[in-house]
Structures are given as structure tokens and as C-alpha cells.
C-alpha atoms as a PDB file:
ATOM      1  CA  UNK A   1       4.852   8.730  23.739  1.00  0.00           C
ATOM      2  CA  UNK A   2       7.337   5.957  23.203  1.00  0.00           C
ATOM      3  CA  UNK A   3       7.489   4.182  19.977  1.00  0.00           C
ATOM      4  CA  UNK A   4       6.476   0.866  21.658  1.00  0.00           C
ATOM      5  CA  UNK A   5       3.645   2.658  23.551  1.00  0.00           C
ATOM      6  CA  UNK A   6       2.489   4.243  20.301  1.00  0.00           C
ATOM      7  CA  UNK A   7       2.815   0.973  18.545  1.00  0.00           C
ATOM      8  CA  UNK A   8       0.582  -0.813  21.852  1.00  0.00           C
ATOM      9  CA  UNK A   9      -2.112   2.294  21.462  1.00  0.00           C
ATOM     10  CA  UNK A  10      -2.742   2.212  17.760  1.00  0.00           C
ATOM     11  CA  UNK A  11      -3.206  -1.781  17.902  1.00  0.00           C
ATOM     12  CA  UNK A  12      -5.640  -1.171  20.840  1.00  0.00           C
ATOM     13  CA  UNK A  13      -7.356   1.537  18.880  1.00  0.00           C
ATOM     14  CA  UNK A  14      -7.625  -1.035  15.670  1.00  0.00           C
ATOM     15  CA  UNK A  15      -8.772  -3.718  17.740  1.00  0.00           C
ATOM     16  CA  UNK A  16     -11.640  -1.748  18.993  1.00  0.00           C
ATOM     17  CA  UNK A  17     -12.565  -0.241  15.873  1.00  0.00           C
ATOM     18  CA  UNK A  18     -12.605  -3.247  13.591  1.00  0.00           C
ATOM     19  CA  UNK A  19     -14.924  -5.382  15.596  1.00  0.00           C
ATOM     20  CA  UNK A  20     -18.612  -5.139  15.453  1.00  0.00           C
ATOM     21  CA  UNK A  21     -18.921  -7.087  19.001  1.00  0.00           C
ATOM     22  CA  UNK A  22     -17.631  -6.197  22.580  1.00  0.00           C
ATOM     23  CA  UNK A  23     -14.241  -7.420  23.146  1.00  0.00           C
ATOM     24  CA  UNK A  24     -13.360  -8.500  27.083  1.00  0.00           C
ATOM     25  CA  UNK A  25     -10.283  -7.672  28.367  1.00  0.00           C
ATOM     26  CA  UNK A  26      -8.829 -11.389  28.244  1.00  0.00           C
ATOM     27  CA  UNK A  27      -9.576 -10.868  24.443  1.00  0.00           C
ATOM     28  CA  UNK A  28      -7.641  -7.982  24.127  1.00  0.00           C
ATOM     29  CA  UNK A  29      -4.720  -8.738  26.197  1.00  0.00           C
ATOM     30  CA  UNK A  30      -4.002 -11.882  23.876  1.00  0.00           C
ATOM     31  CA  UNK A  31      -4.721 -10.126  20.833  1.00  0.00           C
ATOM     32  CA  UNK A  32      -2.861  -6.556  21.363  1.00  0.00           C
ATOM     33  CA  UNK A  33       0.334  -6.707  20.688  1.00  0.00           C
ATOM     34  CA  UNK A  34       2.154  -5.590  24.041  1.00  0.00           C
ATOM     35  CA  UNK A  35      -0.217  -6.982  26.555  1.00  0.00           C
ATOM     36  CA  UNK A  36       0.522 -10.658  26.103  1.00  0.00           C
ATOM     37  CA  UNK A  37       3.647 -10.415  27.724  1.00  0.00           C
ATOM     38  CA  UNK A  38       3.040  -7.575  30.609  1.00  0.00           C
ATOM     39  CA  UNK A  39       2.775  -8.443  34.320  1.00  0.00           C
ATOM     40  CA  UNK A  40       0.931  -5.556  34.932  1.00  0.00           C
ATOM     41  CA  UNK A  41      -1.632  -5.561  32.323  1.00  0.00           C
ATOM     42  CA  UNK A  42      -4.655  -4.034  33.868  1.00  0.00           C
ATOM     43  CA  UNK A  43      -2.719  -0.524  34.868  1.00  0.00           C
ATOM     44  CA  UNK A  44      -1.290  -0.278  31.121  1.00  0.00           C
ATOM     45  CA  UNK A  45      -4.588  -0.934  29.759  1.00  0.00           C
ATOM     46  CA  UNK A  46      -6.135   1.339  31.956  1.00  0.00           C
ATOM     47  CA  UNK A  47      -3.516   4.311  31.194  1.00  0.00           C
ATOM     48  CA  UNK A  48      -3.748   3.163  27.473  1.00  0.00           C
ATOM     49  CA  UNK A  49      -7.784   3.358  27.489  1.00  0.00           C
ATOM     50  CA  UNK A  50      -7.167   6.866  29.302  1.00  0.00           C
ATOM     51  CA  UNK A  51      -4.861   8.113  26.386  1.00  0.00           C
ATOM     52  CA  UNK A  52      -7.425   7.218  23.219  1.00  0.00           C
ATOM     53  CA  UNK A  53      -9.812   9.127  25.733  1.00  0.00           C
ATOM     54  CA  UNK A  54      -7.802  12.279  26.120  1.00  0.00           C
ATOM     55  CA  UNK A  55      -7.072  11.933  22.237  1.00  0.00           C
ATOM     56  CA  UNK A  56     -11.109  12.413  22.153  1.00  0.00           C
ATOM     57  CA  UNK A  57     -12.061   8.545  21.423  1.00  0.00           C
ATOM     58  CA  UNK A  58     -15.383   7.447  22.785  1.00  0.00           C
ATOM     59  CA  UNK A  59     -14.603   3.788  24.145  1.00  0.00           C
ATOM     60  CA  UNK A  60     -18.033   2.226  24.801  1.00  0.00           C
ATOM     61  CA  UNK A  61     -18.614  -0.443  27.495  1.00  0.00           C
ATOM     62  CA  UNK A  62     -21.046  -3.266  27.454  1.00  0.00           C
ATOM     63  CA  UNK A  63     -21.941  -6.867  27.077  1.00  0.00           C
ATOM     64  CA  UNK A  64     -22.431  -9.059  24.152  1.00  0.00           C
ATOM     65  CA  UNK A  65     -25.320 -10.683  26.165  1.00  0.00           C
ATOM     66  CA  UNK A  66     -28.509  -8.690  25.683  1.00  0.00           C
ATOM     67  CA  UNK A  67     -29.959 -10.084  28.895  1.00  0.00           C
ATOM     68  CA  UNK A  68     -26.715  -8.975  30.850  1.00  0.00           C
ATOM     69  CA  UNK A  69     -26.435  -5.821  32.692  1.00  0.00           C
ATOM     70  CA  UNK A  70     -22.410  -6.691  33.186  1.00  0.00           C
ATOM     71  CA  UNK A  71     -20.562  -4.013  31.097  1.00  0.00           C
ATOM     72  CA  UNK A  72     -17.900  -6.546  30.595  1.00  0.00           C
ATOM     73  CA  UNK A  73     -16.547  -5.999  27.236  1.00  0.00           C
ATOM     74  CA  UNK A  74     -15.173  -2.829  25.111  1.00  0.00           C
ATOM     75  CA  UNK A  75     -15.987  -1.193  21.450  1.00  0.00           C
ATOM     76  CA  UNK A  76     -15.413   2.111  19.484  1.00  0.00           C
ATOM     77  CA  UNK A  77     -18.450   2.652  17.636  1.00  0.00           C
ATOM     78  CA  UNK A  78     -17.620   4.003  14.045  1.00  0.00           C
ATOM     79  CA  UNK A  79     -19.842   6.825  14.161  1.00  0.00           C
ATOM     80  CA  UNK A  80     -18.311   7.989  16.997  1.00  0.00           C
ATOM     81  CA  UNK A  81     -14.756   7.996  15.425  1.00  0.00           C
ATOM     82  CA  UNK A  82     -15.323   9.162  11.867  1.00  0.00           C
ATOM     83  CA  UNK A  83     -14.738  12.747  11.221  1.00  0.00           C
ATOM     84  CA  UNK A  84     -16.576  15.233   9.546  1.00  0.00           C
ATOM     85  CA  UNK A  85     -15.761  16.237   5.752  1.00  0.00           C
ATOM     86  CA  UNK A  86     -12.971  18.254   5.964  1.00  0.00           C
ATOM     87  CA  UNK A  87     -11.361  20.047   3.228  1.00  0.00           C
ATOM     88  CA  UNK A  88      -7.637  20.929   2.584  1.00  0.00           C
ATOM     89  CA  UNK A  89      -5.671  23.529   0.539  1.00  0.00           C
ATOM     90  CA  UNK A  90      -3.096  22.529  -1.786  1.00  0.00           C
ATOM     91  CA  UNK A  91       0.022  22.804   0.418  1.00  0.00           C
ATOM     92  CA  UNK A  92      -2.051  20.801   3.195  1.00  0.00           C
ATOM     93  CA  UNK A  93      -2.430  17.682   0.595  1.00  0.00           C
ATOM     94  CA  UNK A  94       0.964  17.680  -0.142  1.00  0.00           C
ATOM     95  CA  UNK A  95       1.785  17.325   3.418  1.00  0.00           C
ATOM     96  CA  UNK A  96      -0.977  14.756   4.030  1.00  0.00           C
ATOM     97  CA  UNK A  97       0.739  12.495   1.101  1.00  0.00           C
ATOM     98  CA  UNK A  98       4.127  12.726   2.343  1.00  0.00           C
ATOM     99  CA  UNK A  99       2.755  11.807   6.278  1.00  0.00           C
ATOM    100  CA  UNK A 100       0.860   8.873   4.272  1.00  0.00           C
ATOM    101  CA  UNK A 101       3.906   7.775   2.768  1.00  0.00           C
ATOM    102  CA  UNK A 102       5.703   7.770   5.719  1.00  0.00           C
ATOM    103  CA  UNK A 103       3.289   5.622   7.424  1.00  0.00           C
ATOM    104  CA  UNK A 104       2.850   3.213   4.171  1.00  0.00           C
ATOM    105  CA  UNK A 105       6.395   2.108   4.556  1.00  0.00           C
ATOM    106  CA  UNK A 106       6.687   2.555   8.493  1.00  0.00           C
ATOM    107  CA  UNK A 107       6.234  -0.353  11.000  1.00  0.00           C
ATOM    108  CA  UNK A 108       2.876   1.007  11.477  1.00  0.00           C
ATOM    109  CA  UNK A 109       1.253  -1.181   8.296  1.00  0.00           C
ATOM    110  CA  UNK A 110       2.652  -4.386   9.385  1.00  0.00           C
ATOM    111  CA  UNK A 111       1.374  -3.729  12.698  1.00  0.00           C
ATOM    112  CA  UNK A 112      -1.871  -3.324  11.300  1.00  0.00           C
ATOM    113  CA  UNK A 113      -1.827  -6.662   9.375  1.00  0.00           C
ATOM    114  CA  UNK A 114      -0.679  -8.774  13.008  1.00  0.00           C
ATOM    115  CA  UNK A 115      -3.682  -6.724  14.742  1.00  0.00           C
ATOM    116  CA  UNK A 116      -5.924  -8.023  12.216  1.00  0.00           C
ATOM    117  CA  UNK A 117      -4.773 -11.424  11.994  1.00  0.00           C
ATOM    118  CA  UNK A 118      -4.840 -11.891  15.706  1.00  0.00           C
ATOM    119  CA  UNK A 119      -8.483 -10.271  15.732  1.00  0.00           C
ATOM    120  CA  UNK A 120      -9.789 -13.201  13.183  1.00  0.00           C
ATOM    121  CA  UNK A 121      -7.795 -15.587  15.580  1.00  0.00           C
ATOM    122  CA  UNK A 122      -9.708 -14.547  18.484  1.00  0.00           C
ATOM    123  CA  UNK A 123     -13.176 -14.957  16.474  1.00  0.00           C
ATOM    124  CA  UNK A 124     -13.954 -11.128  16.535  1.00  0.00           C
ATOM    125  CA  UNK A 125     -14.355 -11.035  12.824  1.00  0.00           C
ATOM    126  CA  UNK A 126     -12.787  -7.674  12.064  1.00  0.00           C
ATOM    127  CA  UNK A 127     -14.393  -5.530   9.542  1.00  0.00           C
ATOM    128  CA  UNK A 128     -11.609  -3.953   7.230  1.00  0.00           C
ATOM    129  CA  UNK A 129     -13.676  -1.491   5.416  1.00  0.00           C
ATOM    130  CA  UNK A 130     -13.354   0.088   9.023  1.00  0.00           C
ATOM    131  CA  UNK A 131      -9.694   0.636   8.590  1.00  0.00           C
ATOM    132  CA  UNK A 132      -9.228   3.322   5.950  1.00  0.00           C
ATOM    133  CA  UNK A 133     -10.381   5.841   8.812  1.00  0.00           C
ATOM    134  CA  UNK A 134      -6.777   5.088  10.111  1.00  0.00           C
ATOM    135  CA  UNK A 135      -4.559   6.403   7.046  1.00  0.00           C
ATOM    136  CA  UNK A 136      -4.285   9.553   5.745  1.00  0.00           C
ATOM    137  CA  UNK A 137      -6.537  10.404   2.962  1.00  0.00           C
ATOM    138  CA  UNK A 138      -4.910  11.763  -0.049  1.00  0.00           C
ATOM    139  CA  UNK A 139      -6.100  11.776  -3.490  1.00  0.00           C
ATOM    140  CA  UNK A 140      -5.635   8.945  -5.400  1.00  0.00           C
ATOM    141  CA  UNK A 141      -6.139   9.009  -8.819  1.00  0.00           C
ATOM    142  CA  UNK A 142      -5.552   5.130  -9.594  1.00  0.00           C
ATOM    143  CA  UNK A 143      -8.335   2.972  -9.154  1.00  0.00           C
ATOM    144  CA  UNK A 144      -7.071   0.446  -8.237  1.00  0.00           C
ATOM    145  CA  UNK A 145      -5.480   1.720  -5.122  1.00  0.00           C
ATOM    146  CA  UNK A 146      -8.258   0.932  -2.701  1.00  0.00           C
ATOM    147  CA  UNK A 147      -8.737  -2.983  -3.575  1.00  0.00           C
ATOM    148  CA  UNK A 148      -5.099  -3.750  -3.504  1.00  0.00           C
ATOM    149  CA  UNK A 149      -4.711  -2.041  -0.232  1.00  0.00           C
ATOM    150  CA  UNK A 150      -7.173  -4.014   1.319  1.00  0.00           C
ATOM    151  CA  UNK A 151      -6.189  -7.369  -0.281  1.00  0.00           C
ATOM    152  CA  UNK A 152      -2.804  -6.369   1.472  1.00  0.00           C
ATOM    153  CA  UNK A 153      -4.407  -6.001   4.499  1.00  0.00           C
ATOM    154  CA  UNK A 154      -6.131  -9.304   4.495  1.00  0.00           C
ATOM    155  CA  UNK A 155      -3.291 -11.283   2.952  1.00  0.00           C
ATOM    156  CA  UNK A 156      -5.412 -12.124   0.023  1.00  0.00           C
ATOM    157  CA  UNK A 157      -4.327 -12.710  -3.971  1.00  0.00           C
ATOM    158  CA  UNK A 158      -5.396 -10.468  -6.075  1.00  0.00           C
ATOM    159  CA  UNK A 159      -6.426 -10.669 -10.280  1.00  0.00           C
ATOM    160  CA  UNK A 160      -5.963  -7.632 -12.795  1.00  0.00           C
ATOM    161  CA  UNK A 161      -4.569  -6.852 -16.193  1.00  0.00           C
ATOM    162  CA  UNK A 162      -1.442  -5.536 -16.788  1.00  0.00           C
ATOM    163  CA  UNK A 163      -0.366  -4.525 -20.445  1.00  0.00           C
ATOM    164  CA  UNK A 164      -3.157  -7.127 -21.814  1.00  0.00           C
ATOM    165  CA  UNK A 165      -2.218  -9.777 -19.268  1.00  0.00           C
ATOM    166  CA  UNK A 166      -3.913 -11.570 -16.449  1.00  0.00           C
ATOM    167  CA  UNK A 167      -1.887 -11.357 -13.803  1.00  0.00           C
ATOM    168  CA  UNK A 168      -2.151 -13.079 -10.005  1.00  0.00           C
ATOM    169  CA  UNK A 169      -0.303 -11.658  -7.493  1.00  0.00           C
ATOM    170  CA  UNK A 170      -0.057 -11.763  -3.640  1.00  0.00           C
ATOM    171  CA  UNK A 171       0.377  -8.220  -2.622  1.00  0.00           C
ATOM    172  CA  UNK A 172       3.362  -7.707  -0.017  1.00  0.00           C
ATOM    173  CA  UNK A 173       3.638  -3.394   0.159  1.00  0.00           C
ATOM    174  CA  UNK A 174       2.415  -0.698  -1.590  1.00  0.00           C
ATOM    175  CA  UNK A 175       4.796   2.074  -1.993  1.00  0.00           C
ATOM    176  CA  UNK A 176       5.230   5.321  -3.968  1.00  0.00           C
ATOM    177  CA  UNK A 177       8.247   6.249  -6.514  1.00  0.00           C
ATOM    178  CA  UNK A 178       8.592   9.705  -8.091  1.00  0.00           C
ATOM    179  CA  UNK A 179       4.808  10.366  -7.392  1.00  0.00           C
ATOM    180  CA  UNK A 180       3.632   7.282  -8.774  1.00  0.00           C
ATOM    181  CA  UNK A 181       2.010   4.128  -7.169  1.00  0.00           C
ATOM    182  CA  UNK A 182       3.520   0.594  -7.389  1.00  0.00           C
ATOM    183  CA  UNK A 183       2.274  -2.378  -5.585  1.00  0.00           C
ATOM    184  CA  UNK A 184       5.467  -5.215  -5.006  1.00  0.00           C
ATOM    185  CA  UNK A 185       4.523  -8.616  -4.421  1.00  0.00           C
ATOM    186  CA  UNK A 186       4.790 -12.701  -5.792  1.00  0.00           C
ATOM    187  CA  UNK A 187       3.417 -12.920  -9.099  1.00  0.00           C
ATOM    188  CA  UNK A 188       2.229 -16.700  -8.684  1.00  0.00           C
ATOM    189  CA  UNK A 189       1.883 -17.933 -12.420  1.00  0.00           C
ATOM    190  CA  UNK A 190       5.578 -16.687 -12.730  1.00  0.00           C
ATOM    191  CA  UNK A 191       6.803 -17.935  -9.586  1.00  0.00           C
ATOM    192  CA  UNK A 192       8.827 -14.558  -9.161  1.00  0.00           C
ATOM    193  CA  UNK A 193       8.470 -11.091  -7.364  1.00  0.00           C
ATOM    194  CA  UNK A 194       7.287  -8.704  -9.438  1.00  0.00           C
ATOM    195  CA  UNK A 195       6.636  -4.783  -8.932  1.00  0.00           C
ATOM    196  CA  UNK A 196       3.822  -3.098 -11.271  1.00  0.00           C
ATOM    197  CA  UNK A 197       2.461   0.700 -12.106  1.00  0.00           C
ATOM    198  CA  UNK A 198      -0.631   0.926 -10.186  1.00  0.00           C
ATOM    199  CA  UNK A 199      -1.821   3.303 -13.398  1.00  0.00           C
ATOM    200  CA  UNK A 200      -1.021   0.857 -16.099  1.00  0.00           C
ATOM    201  CA  UNK A 201      -3.575  -1.862 -14.018  1.00  0.00           C
ATOM    202  CA  UNK A 202      -6.423  -2.131 -16.761  1.00  0.00           C
ATOM    203  CA  UNK A 203      -9.981  -2.037 -14.583  1.00  0.00           C
ATOM    204  CA  UNK A 204      -9.978  -3.244 -11.304  1.00  0.00           C
ATOM    205  CA  UNK A 205      -8.207  -5.605  -9.706  1.00  0.00           C
ATOM    206  CA  UNK A 206     -10.593  -8.578  -8.205  1.00  0.00           C
ATOM    207  CA  UNK A 207      -9.529 -10.620  -5.130  1.00  0.00           C
ATOM    208  CA  UNK A 208      -8.877 -14.197  -5.827  1.00  0.00           C
ATOM    209  CA  UNK A 209      -9.188 -16.940  -2.580  1.00  0.00           C
ATOM    210  CA  UNK A 210      -9.388 -16.488   0.836  1.00  0.00           C
ATOM    211  CA  UNK A 211      -7.868 -14.125   3.186  1.00  0.00           C
ATOM    212  CA  UNK A 212      -4.661 -15.257   4.910  1.00  0.00           C
ATOM    213  CA  UNK A 213      -3.697 -17.017   1.653  1.00  0.00           C
ATOM    214  CA  UNK A 214      -0.172 -16.391   2.617  1.00  0.00           C
ATOM    215  CA  UNK A 215       2.634 -14.179   4.569  1.00  0.00           C
ATOM    216  CA  UNK A 216       4.575 -11.349   3.338  1.00  0.00           C
ATOM    217  CA  UNK A 217       8.278 -12.228   3.928  1.00  0.00           C
ATOM    218  CA  UNK A 218      10.197 -10.832   6.734  1.00  0.00           C
ATOM    219  CA  UNK A 219      12.873  -9.323   4.368  1.00  0.00           C
ATOM    220  CA  UNK A 220      10.131  -7.341   2.212  1.00  0.00           C
ATOM    221  CA  UNK A 221      12.259  -4.040   3.081  1.00  0.00           C
ATOM    222  CA  UNK A 222      15.635  -5.317   2.200  1.00  0.00           C
ATOM    223  CA  UNK A 223      13.861  -6.432  -1.279  1.00  0.00           C
ATOM    224  CA  UNK A 224      13.086  -3.047  -2.132  1.00  0.00           C
ATOM    225  CA  UNK A 225      16.222  -1.549  -2.215  1.00  0.00           C
ATOM    226  CA  UNK A 226      18.126  -5.074  -3.073  1.00  0.00           C
ATOM    227  CA  UNK A 227      17.244  -4.544  -7.030  1.00  0.00           C
ATOM    228  CA  UNK A 228      19.199  -1.248  -8.685  1.00  0.00           C
ATOM    229  CA  UNK A 229      17.132   1.038 -10.845  1.00  0.00           C
ATOM    230  CA  UNK A 230      17.563   0.800 -14.265  1.00  0.00           C
ATOM    231  CA  UNK A 231      18.233   4.160 -16.242  1.00  0.00           C
ATOM    232  CA  UNK A 232      18.140   5.072 -19.984  1.00  0.00           C
ATOM    233  CA  UNK A 233      18.504   8.306 -21.711  1.00  0.00           C
ATOM    234  CA  UNK A 234      15.753   8.992 -24.036  1.00  0.00           C
ATOM    235  CA  UNK A 235      14.189  11.482 -26.227  1.00  0.00           C
ATOM    236  CA  UNK A 236      10.615  12.076 -25.516  1.00  0.00           C
ATOM    237  CA  UNK A 237       7.755  14.125 -26.861  1.00  0.00           C
ATOM    238  CA  UNK A 238       4.414  14.679 -24.868  1.00  0.00           C
ATOM    239  CA  UNK A 239       4.483  11.556 -23.064  1.00  0.00           C
ATOM    240  CA  UNK A 240       3.109  12.872 -19.578  1.00  0.00           C
ATOM    241  CA  UNK A 241       4.040   9.673 -17.717  1.00  0.00           C
ATOM    242  CA  UNK A 242       7.590   9.191 -19.024  1.00  0.00           C
ATOM    243  CA  UNK A 243       8.160  12.971 -18.399  1.00  0.00           C
ATOM    244  CA  UNK A 244       6.439  12.639 -15.001  1.00  0.00           C
ATOM    245  CA  UNK A 245       9.240  10.212 -13.562  1.00  0.00           C
ATOM    246  CA  UNK A 246      12.094  11.389 -15.613  1.00  0.00           C
ATOM    247  CA  UNK A 247      15.090  13.912 -14.926  1.00  0.00           C
ATOM    248  CA  UNK A 248      16.318  16.226 -17.739  1.00  0.00           C
ATOM    249  CA  UNK A 249      19.507  15.828 -18.870  1.00  0.00           C
ATOM    250  CA  UNK A 250      22.109  17.085 -21.157  1.00  0.00           C
ATOM    251  CA  UNK A 251      22.485  15.688 -24.594  1.00  0.00           C
ATOM    252  CA  UNK A 252      25.452  16.689 -27.176  1.00  0.00           C
ATOM    253  CA  UNK A 253      24.113  14.898 -30.320  1.00  0.00           C
ATOM    254  CA  UNK A 254      20.657  16.373 -32.301  1.00  0.00           C
ATOM    255  CA  UNK A 255      17.466  15.202 -31.514  1.00  0.00           C
ATOM    256  CA  UNK A 256      14.159  15.521 -33.464  1.00  0.00           C
ATOM    257  CA  UNK A 257      12.176  19.075 -32.969  1.00  0.00           C
ATOM    258  CA  UNK A 258       9.656  19.049 -30.022  1.00  0.00           C
ATOM    259  CA  UNK A 259      11.365  16.025 -28.352  1.00  0.00           C
ATOM    260  CA  UNK A 260      13.450  16.894 -25.031  1.00  0.00           C
ATOM    261  CA  UNK A 261      15.950  14.668 -23.724  1.00  0.00           C
ATOM    262  CA  UNK A 262      15.452  13.020 -20.105  1.00  0.00           C
ATOM    263  CA  UNK A 263      16.775   9.925 -17.888  1.00  0.00           C
ATOM    264  CA  UNK A 264      13.941   7.357 -17.562  1.00  0.00           C
ATOM    265  CA  UNK A 265      14.377   4.955 -14.567  1.00  0.00           C
ATOM    266  CA  UNK A 266      12.462   1.012 -14.126  1.00  0.00           C
ATOM    267  CA  UNK A 267      13.358  -1.155 -11.542  1.00  0.00           C
ATOM    268  CA  UNK A 268      13.709  -3.415 -14.108  1.00  0.00           C
ATOM    269  CA  UNK A 269      14.436  -3.487 -17.592  1.00  0.00           C
ATOM    270  CA  UNK A 270      11.469  -5.496 -19.169  1.00  0.00           C
ATOM    271  CA  UNK A 271       9.476  -2.570 -17.021  1.00  0.00           C
ATOM    272  CA  UNK A 272      11.472   0.004 -18.655  1.00  0.00           C
ATOM    273  CA  UNK A 273      11.144  -1.402 -21.852  1.00  0.00           C
ATOM    274  CA  UNK A 274       7.476  -1.972 -21.490  1.00  0.00           C
ATOM    275  CA  UNK A 275       7.165   2.296 -20.266  1.00  0.00           C
ATOM    276  CA  UNK A 276       9.172   3.152 -23.656  1.00  0.00           C
ATOM    277  CA  UNK A 277       7.340   1.014 -26.011  1.00  0.00           C
ATOM    278  CA  UNK A 278       4.434   1.837 -24.608  1.00  0.00           C
ATOM    279  CA  UNK A 279       4.934   5.610 -25.972  1.00  0.00           C
ATOM    280  CA  UNK A 280       5.312   4.611 -29.691  1.00  0.00           C
ATOM    281  CA  UNK A 281       6.879   6.740 -31.928  1.00  0.00           C
ATOM    282  CA  UNK A 282       7.153   9.572 -28.938  1.00  0.00           C
ATOM    283  CA  UNK A 283       9.610   7.728 -27.144  1.00  0.00           C
ATOM    284  CA  UNK A 284      13.337   7.526 -29.036  1.00  0.00           C
ATOM    285  CA  UNK A 285      15.887   5.753 -26.804  1.00  0.00           C
ATOM    286  CA  UNK A 286      19.944   7.170 -27.120  1.00  0.00           C
ATOM    287  CA  UNK A 287      21.267   5.072 -24.550  1.00  0.00           C
ATOM    288  CA  UNK A 288      22.516   2.751 -23.699  1.00  0.00           C
ATOM    289  CA  UNK A 289      22.501   0.480 -26.431  1.00  0.00           C
ATOM    290  CA  UNK A 290      21.220  -2.428 -24.687  1.00  0.00           C
ATOM    291  CA  UNK A 291      17.836  -1.146 -23.817  1.00  0.00           C
ATOM    292  CA  UNK A 292      17.411   0.503 -26.894  1.00  0.00           C
ATOM    293  CA  UNK A 293      17.910  -3.087 -28.966  1.00  0.00           C
ATOM    294  CA  UNK A 294      15.479  -4.462 -26.303  1.00  0.00           C
ATOM    295  CA  UNK A 295      12.839  -1.680 -27.213  1.00  0.00           C
ATOM    296  CA  UNK A 296      13.683  -2.473 -31.239  1.00  0.00           C
ATOM    297  CA  UNK A 297      12.888  -6.339 -30.509  1.00  0.00           C
ATOM    298  CA  UNK A 298       9.600  -5.435 -28.318  1.00  0.00           C
ATOM    299  CA  UNK A 299       8.257  -2.959 -31.649  1.00  0.00           C
ATOM    300  CA  UNK A 300       9.039  -5.534 -33.893  1.00  0.00           C
ATOM    301  CA  UNK A 301       7.505  -8.297 -32.123  1.00  0.00           C
ATOM    302  CA  UNK A 302       4.343  -6.089 -31.772  1.00  0.00           C
ATOM    303  CA  UNK A 303       4.277  -4.919 -35.399  1.00  0.00           C
ATOM    304  CA  UNK A 304       4.580  -9.051 -36.182  1.00  0.00           C
ATOM    305  CA  UNK A 305       8.087  -8.798 -37.092  1.00  0.00           C
ATOM    306  CA  UNK A 306       7.753  -5.559 -39.901  1.00  0.00           C
END
């Protein structure tokens, strides 16, 4: 199946699954990417329905008018679509996690958001709660993941507490780096692009304002790679979060007993400094001096200048 066809069939699946009413062919032609500008819509639509049915998807026909016997609309019942509980081995969960990460960073995530927007514009009232069935279900320890994922699909701002301060964020993208989930978006209070580790969000993020309140910029992908990572060599003692996101390095000078020397990375200096400061006496910055001085300043501020 070509990439264009795969995306079109996926958008059709999203449209039929996320609505609570029957959608007519005219509505589907308008809202599904790949249908609006084709002269052979009827043939393409029939082939796509056959493709979904061949995959075991039950597409029901019917009418929204209870007094009509006409079957002029289509939808997918959630009960027909959902799978029973499935258990995976450890190796299988790793493979599913990698696939989920690839999907999240692919065009599919943007296509999902676009399809939802067209559904709302057409008055189909999509039910976003149905969409988690379309992404791989992998173990996610961060309680903040699901509310932020939902807000991302709805283009709705979220409010949460991070390092003791309230943040208001327009989420653009969820991404995973070195086993840790992060959210990239626009911090409306500071008027700047920010990244936040989901593991450091306190409590459950709350939606703020209406859906479709913003549109992620078209150059999100370039912004992910535009900012180089900041690195520091740190002696660490029993700090699981820092150790999980670090790489062991050689260090010629002596370090305190019980400490290991690692290279820690961050998306920017303030984030890296915050991570190190949070470790308290269990993390000692060895290099570079700029990061070490920033950590010392932060510790003095936290200690009231003592």
C-alpha cells in the first residue's frame, strides 16, 4: 500500500470511528484527506472500504433518521473495533514502544489532528476518547501523558505545576528521548518555546480554554533539532533519573567514594541545571565551568544565599 493510500485509509478509519452518527459519502468526501480533489471518488471510496473490511474492520451502514429505511451513511461501532485484552512479553513491549514512537513522530500524528479538525468543521462531533485505540498501548509511567496527548489532539492548552511553578502550555508534540517522555510547546506565560519532562510534572495537567485554540507551527520538526543539546560531566551517586539519561565517561581526577562519572545532556542549560540541582548533594558538576557555576548559583538561591 502506498504512503498516500495508507494515510487516506487511516483518515477514513479515524472519521468513521470517532463519530457517534452516520456520515454520508458527501461528508466523507469533504473531510477525508485524499477524497476532495479526486475525480474518481466513488471508486476510491469503495476500494478503501473494502481495504478496511479486509482488515477485519466492521463498517456499518444506516441512517440518522429513525423513520427512514435508507442506508445512506457509514460508521464504525467501537465495540466492533476494540480488541480483547492482550498480553505481551517484555521483548514484544519493547518492539511496540519503538513502533509507537515512530508513529508519534511521523506524518500520521499530524494527519490525525487534521482529520479531527475537519470532522468538527463538518459538525460530526468526534469523540477523542475513541482515538487511543488507534495508537499502540505501551506502558507509560507518567500520569501526565494521557491528558497532554488528548490536549495535543484537541489543540487545547494545558496547565500544570513544574518545579513548583504553574505553567500554561500549548502542546505541539510529544517525544521520547533516552527513555523519557517530553512535551514540546509554547509557554504562553513566558512567550517562548519550552520542553518539559513529563516525569517532573506535578499532579495531573488540566485542560485550559476551548479546543482548536491554536495551531502548531508548520516547522515543528525543524524546531526539534534546531537547539543543540547542552552537555555536562557530572559525578553522580544513586540518582536513577540522571543515571537513566546519561552515558558513563572516563575522568582522570579523583571523585568521592560511591560516585560514578557520567555525561548528562539537556535541551537547554536551565533544564540541565534544574535536573542537577534537584539531585542535591548526590550530583557534582565536574565540567564545564559554566554549568557548574550556574548550579552553584541556583543552590545558593534555594538556600537563601547561605
